[in-house]
C-alpha atoms as a PDB file:
ATOM      1  CA  UNK A   1     -17.686 -69.828 -30.419  1.00  0.00           C
ATOM      2  CA  UNK A   2     -13.937 -69.544 -30.000  1.00  0.00           C
ATOM      3  CA  UNK A   3     -14.117 -65.748 -29.815  1.00  0.00           C
ATOM      4  CA  UNK A   4     -16.897 -65.919 -27.235  1.00  0.00           C
ATOM      5  CA  UNK A   5     -14.863 -68.294 -25.063  1.00  0.00           C
ATOM      6  CA  UNK A   6     -11.833 -66.010 -25.233  1.00  0.00           C
ATOM      7  CA  UNK A   7     -13.892 -63.036 -24.115  1.00  0.00           C
ATOM      8  CA  UNK A   8     -15.260 -65.004 -21.168  1.00  0.00           C
ATOM      9  CA  UNK A   9     -11.789 -66.092 -20.112  1.00  0.00           C
ATOM     10  CA  UNK A  10     -10.393 -62.588 -20.373  1.00  0.00           C
ATOM     11  CA  UNK A  11     -11.452 -61.694 -16.812  1.00  0.00           C
ATOM     12  CA  UNK A  12     -10.802 -58.484 -14.888  1.00  0.00           C
ATOM     13  CA  UNK A  13      -7.271 -57.158 -14.243  1.00  0.00           C
ATOM     14  CA  UNK A  14      -6.280 -57.237 -10.596  1.00  0.00           C
ATOM     15  CA  UNK A  15      -5.361 -53.537 -10.637  1.00  0.00           C
ATOM     16  CA  UNK A  16      -9.033 -52.698 -11.273  1.00  0.00           C
ATOM     17  CA  UNK A  17     -10.075 -54.798  -8.285  1.00  0.00           C
ATOM     18  CA  UNK A  18      -7.627 -53.493  -5.658  1.00  0.00           C
ATOM     19  CA  UNK A  19      -9.353 -50.091  -5.153  1.00  0.00           C
ATOM     20  CA  UNK A  20     -12.711 -51.831  -4.692  1.00  0.00           C
ATOM     21  CA  UNK A  21     -11.114 -54.250  -2.239  1.00  0.00           C
ATOM     22  CA  UNK A  22      -9.879 -51.294  -0.182  1.00  0.00           C
ATOM     23  CA  UNK A  23     -13.376 -49.806  -0.280  1.00  0.00           C
ATOM     24  CA  UNK A  24     -14.869 -53.066   0.984  1.00  0.00           C
ATOM     25  CA  UNK A  25     -12.278 -53.193   3.756  1.00  0.00           C
ATOM     26  CA  UNK A  26     -13.312 -49.672   4.758  1.00  0.00           C
ATOM     27  CA  UNK A  27     -16.956 -50.751   4.743  1.00  0.00           C
ATOM     28  CA  UNK A  28     -16.073 -53.717   6.947  1.00  0.00           C
ATOM     29  CA  UNK A  29     -14.268 -51.392   9.361  1.00  0.00           C
ATOM     30  CA  UNK A  30     -17.324 -49.133   9.554  1.00  0.00           C
ATOM     31  CA  UNK A  31     -19.626 -52.058  10.276  1.00  0.00           C
ATOM     32  CA  UNK A  32     -17.164 -53.356  12.866  1.00  0.00           C
ATOM     33  CA  UNK A  33     -17.288 -49.960  14.595  1.00  0.00           C
ATOM     34  CA  UNK A  34     -21.041 -50.401  15.017  1.00  0.00           C
ATOM     35  CA  UNK A  35     -20.518 -53.878  16.448  1.00  0.00           C
ATOM     36  CA  UNK A  36     -17.980 -52.565  18.976  1.00  0.00           C
ATOM     37  CA  UNK A  37     -20.485 -49.861  19.904  1.00  0.00           C
ATOM     38  CA  UNK A  38     -23.167 -52.455  20.609  1.00  0.00           C
ATOM     39  CA  UNK A  39     -20.654 -54.168  22.883  1.00  0.00           C
ATOM     40  CA  UNK A  40     -19.803 -50.804  24.538  1.00  0.00           C
ATOM     41  CA  UNK A  41     -16.179 -51.104  23.463  1.00  0.00           C
ATOM     42  CA  UNK A  42     -15.840 -47.436  22.630  1.00  0.00           C
ATOM     43  CA  UNK A  43     -12.116 -47.091  21.960  1.00  0.00           C
ATOM     44  CA  UNK A  44     -11.964 -49.992  19.455  1.00  0.00           C
ATOM     45  CA  UNK A  45     -15.124 -48.575  17.851  1.00  0.00           C
ATOM     46  CA  UNK A  46     -13.566 -45.166  17.209  1.00  0.00           C
ATOM     47  CA  UNK A  47     -10.314 -46.784  16.104  1.00  0.00           C
ATOM     48  CA  UNK A  48     -12.299 -48.780  13.524  1.00  0.00           C
ATOM     49  CA  UNK A  49     -13.658 -45.470  12.183  1.00  0.00           C
ATOM     50  CA  UNK A  50     -10.085 -44.177  11.893  1.00  0.00           C
ATOM     51  CA  UNK A  51      -9.126 -47.293   9.926  1.00  0.00           C
ATOM     52  CA  UNK A  52     -12.125 -46.775   7.650  1.00  0.00           C
ATOM     53  CA  UNK A  53     -11.070 -43.156   7.032  1.00  0.00           C
ATOM     54  CA  UNK A  54      -7.506 -44.200   6.164  1.00  0.00           C
ATOM     55  CA  UNK A  55      -8.734 -46.861   3.743  1.00  0.00           C
ATOM     56  CA  UNK A  56     -11.194 -44.393   2.231  1.00  0.00           C
ATOM     57  CA  UNK A  57      -8.335 -42.005   1.587  1.00  0.00           C
ATOM     58  CA  UNK A  58      -6.292 -44.736  -0.067  1.00  0.00           C
ATOM     59  CA  UNK A  59      -8.824 -46.313  -2.438  1.00  0.00           C
ATOM     60  CA  UNK A  60      -9.197 -43.278  -4.693  1.00  0.00           C
ATOM     61  CA  UNK A  61      -5.460 -42.663  -4.899  1.00  0.00           C
ATOM     62  CA  UNK A  62      -4.743 -46.317  -5.614  1.00  0.00           C
ATOM     63  CA  UNK A  63      -7.434 -46.300  -8.312  1.00  0.00           C
ATOM     64  CA  UNK A  64      -5.776 -43.349 -10.037  1.00  0.00           C
ATOM     65  CA  UNK A  65      -2.279 -44.809  -9.741  1.00  0.00           C
ATOM     66  CA  UNK A  66      -3.310 -48.232 -11.045  1.00  0.00           C
ATOM     67  CA  UNK A  67      -5.747 -46.725 -13.562  1.00  0.00           C
ATOM     68  CA  UNK A  68      -8.522 -48.766 -12.003  1.00  0.00           C
ATOM     69  CA  UNK A  69     -11.112 -46.028 -11.555  1.00  0.00           C
ATOM     70  CA  UNK A  70     -14.637 -46.921 -12.668  1.00  0.00           C
ATOM     71  CA  UNK A  71     -18.223 -45.799 -12.157  1.00  0.00           C
ATOM     72  CA  UNK A  72     -18.860 -49.010 -10.230  1.00  0.00           C
ATOM     73  CA  UNK A  73     -16.022 -48.121  -7.872  1.00  0.00           C
ATOM     74  CA  UNK A  74     -17.307 -44.575  -7.444  1.00  0.00           C
ATOM     75  CA  UNK A  75     -20.789 -45.791  -6.510  1.00  0.00           C
ATOM     76  CA  UNK A  76     -19.388 -48.442  -4.177  1.00  0.00           C
ATOM     77  CA  UNK A  77     -17.223 -45.810  -2.510  1.00  0.00           C
ATOM     78  CA  UNK A  78     -20.220 -43.558  -1.859  1.00  0.00           C
ATOM     79  CA  UNK A  79     -22.221 -46.413  -0.344  1.00  0.00           C
ATOM     80  CA  UNK A  80     -19.282 -47.328   1.861  1.00  0.00           C
ATOM     81  CA  UNK A  81     -18.822 -43.689   2.914  1.00  0.00           C
ATOM     82  CA  UNK A  82     -22.451 -43.467   3.974  1.00  0.00           C
ATOM     83  CA  UNK A  83     -22.144 -46.530   6.224  1.00  0.00           C
ATOM     84  CA  UNK A  84     -18.714 -45.625   7.630  1.00  0.00           C
ATOM     85  CA  UNK A  85     -19.141 -41.877   8.105  1.00  0.00           C
ATOM     86  CA  UNK A  86     -22.896 -41.316   7.966  1.00  0.00           C
ATOM     87  CA  UNK A  87     -24.331 -44.209   9.978  1.00  0.00           C
ATOM     88  CA  UNK A  88     -21.548 -45.599  12.182  1.00  0.00           C
ATOM     89  CA  UNK A  89     -20.582 -42.322  13.973  1.00  0.00           C
ATOM     90  CA  UNK A  90     -24.180 -41.335  14.707  1.00  0.00           C
ATOM     91  CA  UNK A  91     -25.014 -44.817  15.984  1.00  0.00           C
ATOM     92  CA  UNK A  92     -21.942 -44.824  18.228  1.00  0.00           C
ATOM     93  CA  UNK A  93     -22.900 -41.474  19.728  1.00  0.00           C
ATOM     94  CA  UNK A  94     -26.493 -42.594  20.207  1.00  0.00           C
ATOM     95  CA  UNK A  95     -25.403 -45.744  22.044  1.00  0.00           C
ATOM     96  CA  UNK A  96     -22.731 -43.848  23.990  1.00  0.00           C
ATOM     97  CA  UNK A  97     -24.630 -40.818  25.243  1.00  0.00           C
ATOM     98  CA  UNK A  98     -28.095 -40.329  23.775  1.00  0.00           C
ATOM     99  CA  UNK A  99     -29.962 -43.623  24.053  1.00  0.00           C
ATOM    100  CA  UNK A 100     -31.808 -42.509  27.164  1.00  0.00           C
ATOM    101  CA  UNK A 101     -32.429 -38.927  26.052  1.00  0.00           C
ATOM    102  CA  UNK A 102     -35.755 -39.557  24.338  1.00  0.00           C
ATOM    103  CA  UNK A 103     -37.147 -39.128  20.849  1.00  0.00           C
ATOM    104  CA  UNK A 104     -35.482 -35.790  20.195  1.00  0.00           C
ATOM    105  CA  UNK A 105     -32.064 -37.408  20.593  1.00  0.00           C
ATOM    106  CA  UNK A 106     -32.929 -39.981  17.936  1.00  0.00           C
ATOM    107  CA  UNK A 107     -34.137 -37.196  15.659  1.00  0.00           C
ATOM    108  CA  UNK A 108     -30.729 -35.485  15.916  1.00  0.00           C
ATOM    109  CA  UNK A 109     -28.931 -38.764  15.194  1.00  0.00           C
ATOM    110  CA  UNK A 110     -31.049 -39.352  12.084  1.00  0.00           C
ATOM    111  CA  UNK A 111     -30.487 -35.727  11.017  1.00  0.00           C
ATOM    112  CA  UNK A 112     -26.741 -36.317  10.875  1.00  0.00           C
ATOM    113  CA  UNK A 113     -27.142 -39.435   8.712  1.00  0.00           C
ATOM    114  CA  UNK A 114     -29.550 -37.631   6.370  1.00  0.00           C
ATOM    115  CA  UNK A 115     -27.144 -34.725   5.924  1.00  0.00           C
ATOM    116  CA  UNK A 116     -24.326 -37.137   5.129  1.00  0.00           C
ATOM    117  CA  UNK A 117     -26.499 -38.862   2.512  1.00  0.00           C
ATOM    118  CA  UNK A 118     -27.418 -35.494   0.977  1.00  0.00           C
ATOM    119  CA  UNK A 119     -23.770 -34.492   0.817  1.00  0.00           C
ATOM    120  CA  UNK A 120     -22.740 -37.712  -0.919  1.00  0.00           C
ATOM    121  CA  UNK A 121     -25.652 -37.413  -3.348  1.00  0.00           C
ATOM    122  CA  UNK A 122     -24.594 -33.848  -4.153  1.00  0.00           C
ATOM    123  CA  UNK A 123     -21.077 -35.072  -4.842  1.00  0.00           C
ATOM    124  CA  UNK A 124     -22.293 -37.869  -7.110  1.00  0.00           C
ATOM    125  CA  UNK A 125     -24.345 -35.477  -9.217  1.00  0.00           C
ATOM    126  CA  UNK A 126     -21.357 -33.147  -9.651  1.00  0.00           C
ATOM    127  CA  UNK A 127     -18.986 -35.771 -11.014  1.00  0.00           C
ATOM    128  CA  UNK A 128     -19.706 -34.942 -14.664  1.00  0.00           C
ATOM    129  CA  UNK A 129     -19.695 -31.165 -14.272  1.00  0.00           C
ATOM    130  CA  UNK A 130     -16.902 -29.127 -15.902  1.00  0.00           C
ATOM    131  CA  UNK A 131     -13.762 -28.427 -13.910  1.00  0.00           C
ATOM    132  CA  UNK A 132     -13.603 -25.332 -11.769  1.00  0.00           C
ATOM    133  CA  UNK A 133     -10.906 -22.688 -12.316  1.00  0.00           C
ATOM    134  CA  UNK A 134      -7.363 -23.552 -11.178  1.00  0.00           C
ATOM    135  CA  UNK A 135      -7.496 -21.247  -8.176  1.00  0.00           C
ATOM    136  CA  UNK A 136     -10.296 -23.334  -6.594  1.00  0.00           C
ATOM    137  CA  UNK A 137      -8.633 -26.745  -6.915  1.00  0.00           C
ATOM    138  CA  UNK A 138      -7.630 -26.894  -3.251  1.00  0.00           C
ATOM    139  CA  UNK A 139     -11.102 -26.477  -1.740  1.00  0.00           C
ATOM    140  CA  UNK A 140     -14.128 -28.626  -0.980  1.00  0.00           C
ATOM    141  CA  UNK A 141     -17.653 -27.325  -0.592  1.00  0.00           C
ATOM    142  CA  UNK A 142     -18.554 -28.087   3.011  1.00  0.00           C
ATOM    143  CA  UNK A 143     -16.849 -30.584   5.306  1.00  0.00           C
ATOM    144  CA  UNK A 144     -16.077 -33.976   3.682  1.00  0.00           C
ATOM    145  CA  UNK A 145     -17.769 -37.013   5.213  1.00  0.00           C
ATOM    146  CA  UNK A 146     -14.604 -38.588   6.761  1.00  0.00           C
ATOM    147  CA  UNK A 147     -13.642 -35.310   8.461  1.00  0.00           C
ATOM    148  CA  UNK A 148     -17.238 -34.834   9.599  1.00  0.00           C
ATOM    149  CA  UNK A 149     -17.114 -38.239  11.270  1.00  0.00           C
ATOM    150  CA  UNK A 150     -13.921 -37.239  13.062  1.00  0.00           C
ATOM    151  CA  UNK A 151     -15.398 -33.937  14.233  1.00  0.00           C
ATOM    152  CA  UNK A 152     -18.634 -35.462  15.483  1.00  0.00           C
ATOM    153  CA  UNK A 153     -16.920 -38.105  17.635  1.00  0.00           C
ATOM    154  CA  UNK A 154     -14.512 -35.547  19.103  1.00  0.00           C
ATOM    155  CA  UNK A 155     -16.316 -35.489  22.498  1.00  0.00           C
ATOM    156  CA  UNK A 156     -15.910 -39.256  22.718  1.00  0.00           C
ATOM    157  CA  UNK A 157     -12.195 -39.079  21.888  1.00  0.00           C
ATOM    158  CA  UNK A 158     -11.662 -36.348  24.485  1.00  0.00           C
ATOM    159  CA  UNK A 159     -13.482 -38.462  27.070  1.00  0.00           C
ATOM    160  CA  UNK A 160     -10.914 -41.224  26.538  1.00  0.00           C
ATOM    161  CA  UNK A 161      -8.305 -38.827  27.972  1.00  0.00           C
ATOM    162  CA  UNK A 162     -10.381 -36.724  30.383  1.00  0.00           C
ATOM    163  CA  UNK A 163     -12.882 -38.786  32.317  1.00  0.00           C
ATOM    164  CA  UNK A 164     -15.489 -36.106  32.895  1.00  0.00           C
ATOM    165  CA  UNK A 165     -19.260 -36.624  32.534  1.00  0.00           C
ATOM    166  CA  UNK A 166     -19.721 -33.327  30.669  1.00  0.00           C
ATOM    167  CA  UNK A 167     -18.452 -34.841  27.419  1.00  0.00           C
ATOM    168  CA  UNK A 168     -21.146 -37.509  27.622  1.00  0.00           C
ATOM    169  CA  UNK A 169     -24.002 -35.099  28.177  1.00  0.00           C
ATOM    170  CA  UNK A 170     -26.716 -35.539  25.512  1.00  0.00           C
ATOM    171  CA  UNK A 171     -26.877 -31.760  25.023  1.00  0.00           C
ATOM    172  CA  UNK A 172     -23.154 -31.550  24.191  1.00  0.00           C
ATOM    173  CA  UNK A 173     -23.274 -34.525  21.827  1.00  0.00           C
ATOM    174  CA  UNK A 174     -26.433 -33.216  20.156  1.00  0.00           C
ATOM    175  CA  UNK A 175     -24.742 -29.849  19.636  1.00  0.00           C
ATOM    176  CA  UNK A 176     -21.851 -31.529  17.830  1.00  0.00           C
ATOM    177  CA  UNK A 177     -24.231 -33.602  15.700  1.00  0.00           C
ATOM    178  CA  UNK A 178     -26.269 -30.566  14.633  1.00  0.00           C
ATOM    179  CA  UNK A 179     -23.233 -28.362  13.970  1.00  0.00           C
ATOM    180  CA  UNK A 180     -21.381 -30.963  11.911  1.00  0.00           C
ATOM    181  CA  UNK A 181     -24.566 -31.843  10.011  1.00  0.00           C
ATOM    182  CA  UNK A 182     -24.832 -28.225   8.934  1.00  0.00           C
ATOM    183  CA  UNK A 183     -21.173 -28.071   7.936  1.00  0.00           C
ATOM    184  CA  UNK A 184     -21.521 -31.142   5.723  1.00  0.00           C
ATOM    185  CA  UNK A 185     -24.314 -29.751   3.572  1.00  0.00           C
ATOM    186  CA  UNK A 186     -23.098 -26.148   3.651  1.00  0.00           C
ATOM    187  CA  UNK A 187     -21.314 -24.322   0.830  1.00  0.00           C
ATOM    188  CA  UNK A 188     -18.507 -23.261   3.151  1.00  0.00           C
ATOM    189  CA  UNK A 189     -15.161 -23.734   1.354  1.00  0.00           C
ATOM    190  CA  UNK A 190     -12.827 -26.041   3.266  1.00  0.00           C
ATOM    191  CA  UNK A 191      -9.253 -26.979   2.502  1.00  0.00           C
ATOM    192  CA  UNK A 192      -8.744 -30.102   0.389  1.00  0.00           C
ATOM    193  CA  UNK A 193      -5.423 -31.052   1.929  1.00  0.00           C
ATOM    194  CA  UNK A 194      -4.988 -34.059  -0.361  1.00  0.00           C
ATOM    195  CA  UNK A 195      -4.464 -31.648  -3.280  1.00  0.00           C
ATOM    196  CA  UNK A 196      -1.948 -29.453  -1.478  1.00  0.00           C
ATOM    197  CA  UNK A 197       1.445 -29.180  -3.145  1.00  0.00           C
ATOM    198  CA  UNK A 198       4.532 -29.098  -0.921  1.00  0.00           C
ATOM    199  CA  UNK A 199       7.290 -26.639  -1.971  1.00  0.00           C
ATOM    200  CA  UNK A 200      10.718 -28.193  -2.399  1.00  0.00           C
ATOM    201  CA  UNK A 201      12.104 -26.291   0.579  1.00  0.00           C
ATOM    202  CA  UNK A 202       9.402 -27.787   2.821  1.00  0.00           C
ATOM    203  CA  UNK A 203       9.708 -31.428   1.769  1.00  0.00           C
ATOM    204  CA  UNK A 204      12.210 -32.471   4.465  1.00  0.00           C
ATOM    205  CA  UNK A 205      10.448 -30.573   7.303  1.00  0.00           C
ATOM    206  CA  UNK A 206       7.182 -32.133   6.181  1.00  0.00           C
ATOM    207  CA  UNK A 207       8.684 -35.618   6.262  1.00  0.00           C
ATOM    208  CA  UNK A 208      10.050 -34.884   9.735  1.00  0.00           C
ATOM    209  CA  UNK A 209       6.622 -33.731  10.885  1.00  0.00           C
ATOM    210  CA  UNK A 210       5.012 -36.894   9.489  1.00  0.00           C
ATOM    211  CA  UNK A 211       7.504 -39.025  11.400  1.00  0.00           C
ATOM    212  CA  UNK A 212       6.810 -37.155  14.645  1.00  0.00           C
ATOM    213  CA  UNK A 213       3.073 -37.362  14.002  1.00  0.00           C
ATOM    214  CA  UNK A 214       3.283 -41.120  13.512  1.00  0.00           C
ATOM    215  CA  UNK A 215       5.251 -41.434  16.746  1.00  0.00           C
ATOM    216  CA  UNK A 216       2.632 -39.359  18.537  1.00  0.00           C
ATOM    217  CA  UNK A 217      -0.166 -41.576  17.218  1.00  0.00           C
ATOM    218  CA  UNK A 218       1.541 -44.629  18.670  1.00  0.00           C
ATOM    219  CA  UNK A 219       2.383 -43.111  22.058  1.00  0.00           C
ATOM    220  CA  UNK A 220      -0.723 -40.940  22.585  1.00  0.00           C
ATOM    221  CA  UNK A 221      -3.284 -41.866  19.915  1.00  0.00           C
ATOM    222  CA  UNK A 222      -6.386 -40.183  21.326  1.00  0.00           C
ATOM    223  CA  UNK A 223      -4.596 -36.970  22.168  1.00  0.00           C
ATOM    224  CA  UNK A 224      -3.173 -36.928  18.642  1.00  0.00           C
ATOM    225  CA  UNK A 225      -6.496 -37.628  16.949  1.00  0.00           C
ATOM    226  CA  UNK A 226      -8.276 -35.048  19.117  1.00  0.00           C
ATOM    227  CA  UNK A 227      -5.652 -32.411  18.358  1.00  0.00           C
ATOM    228  CA  UNK A 228      -5.882 -33.234  14.642  1.00  0.00           C
ATOM    229  CA  UNK A 229      -9.628 -32.677  14.550  1.00  0.00           C
ATOM    230  CA  UNK A 230      -9.303 -29.509  16.636  1.00  0.00           C
ATOM    231  CA  UNK A 231      -6.741 -28.120  14.173  1.00  0.00           C
ATOM    232  CA  UNK A 232      -9.035 -29.019  11.287  1.00  0.00           C
ATOM    233  CA  UNK A 233     -11.935 -27.179  12.938  1.00  0.00           C
ATOM    234  CA  UNK A 234      -9.716 -24.117  13.388  1.00  0.00           C
ATOM    235  CA  UNK A 235      -8.699 -24.304   9.720  1.00  0.00           C
ATOM    236  CA  UNK A 236     -12.293 -23.845   8.502  1.00  0.00           C
ATOM    237  CA  UNK A 237     -12.422 -20.047   9.056  1.00  0.00           C
ATOM    238  CA  UNK A 238      -8.951 -19.793   7.508  1.00  0.00           C
ATOM    239  CA  UNK A 239     -10.106 -21.707   4.434  1.00  0.00           C
ATOM    240  CA  UNK A 240     -13.077 -19.352   4.013  1.00  0.00           C
ATOM    241  CA  UNK A 241     -10.764 -16.349   4.140  1.00  0.00           C
ATOM    242  CA  UNK A 242      -8.271 -17.937   1.739  1.00  0.00           C
ATOM    243  CA  UNK A 243     -11.035 -18.825  -0.717  1.00  0.00           C
ATOM    244  CA  UNK A 244     -12.365 -15.253  -0.731  1.00  0.00           C
ATOM    245  CA  UNK A 245      -8.914 -13.775  -1.252  1.00  0.00           C
ATOM    246  CA  UNK A 246      -8.198 -16.093  -4.193  1.00  0.00           C
ATOM    247  CA  UNK A 247     -11.590 -15.387  -5.736  1.00  0.00           C
ATOM    248  CA  UNK A 248     -11.061 -11.650  -5.429  1.00  0.00           C
ATOM    249  CA  UNK A 249      -7.641 -11.906  -7.084  1.00  0.00           C
ATOM    250  CA  UNK A 250      -9.105 -14.039  -9.874  1.00  0.00           C
ATOM    251  CA  UNK A 251     -11.860 -11.473 -10.441  1.00  0.00           C
ATOM    252  CA  UNK A 252      -9.299  -8.691 -10.647  1.00  0.00           C
ATOM    253  CA  UNK A 253      -7.146 -10.605 -13.125  1.00  0.00           C
ATOM    254  CA  UNK A 254      -9.890 -12.009 -15.331  1.00  0.00           C
ATOM    255  CA  UNK A 255     -12.325  -9.132 -15.049  1.00  0.00           C
ATOM    256  CA  UNK A 256     -15.193 -11.528 -14.450  1.00  0.00           C
ATOM    257  CA  UNK A 257     -16.657 -13.549 -11.593  1.00  0.00           C
ATOM    258  CA  UNK A 258     -15.545 -17.224 -11.538  1.00  0.00           C
ATOM    259  CA  UNK A 259     -17.785 -19.996 -10.230  1.00  0.00           C
ATOM    260  CA  UNK A 260     -18.393 -19.437  -6.522  1.00  0.00           C
ATOM    261  CA  UNK A 261     -18.832 -23.063  -5.391  1.00  0.00           C
ATOM    262  CA  UNK A 262     -15.843 -25.382  -4.886  1.00  0.00           C
ATOM    263  CA  UNK A 263     -16.168 -29.129  -5.551  1.00  0.00           C
ATOM    264  CA  UNK A 264     -18.410 -31.089  -3.191  1.00  0.00           C
ATOM    265  CA  UNK A 265     -15.841 -33.715  -2.188  1.00  0.00           C
END
């Protein structure tokens, strides 16, 4: 009995709970974005998505630093990602521009959410697969869900700066939804910037750039976010070219063809 009581009182270390807390905060931000959308408060809605993306980027890193990673946390993170980046952006765009465009508009909105769910499911089933060769460590397969959410709401962010009805046209919004849906489930290699290593000679310039970027976010947030997503979109063709060059070099060195698909997320 004494041993049983000690096991019950052992509890769960706080460092294993912090990553899950961050995930739940991200989920709350995603749900809050939907609420702001229902109230037609578009700027706070998109800002809530940005907060969710930041928290989503932190939870995994914090889990690794605190050694609090778990299968429960991984599943919770995927569920949160689906709400924050698969449901919230499409609902915002539907309420913002496509609610009066008929059944086809709703079909496109649902298509985006389905593609996000398929992408996350593909990632979950690849967790236990063997590691890819070192040359492919800096690539994802397709566009990650947080970046997809940023790309798909780009017309809305631009409209915050340029008040022109063209950005709110259902055809334009539907085009973004369809294009980003395809990018999410594609096998196109995209840069995994979180795994990029900074050379020593570039550390100080990088820190300077981060400081200027933070200043820009405070003084002109929507211009900064829009430019960030535009740069990311431009980087996709560059990532495809870089991936092919690295694969060709690896084939020449090893004399065999390495796995062609980068990790899903």
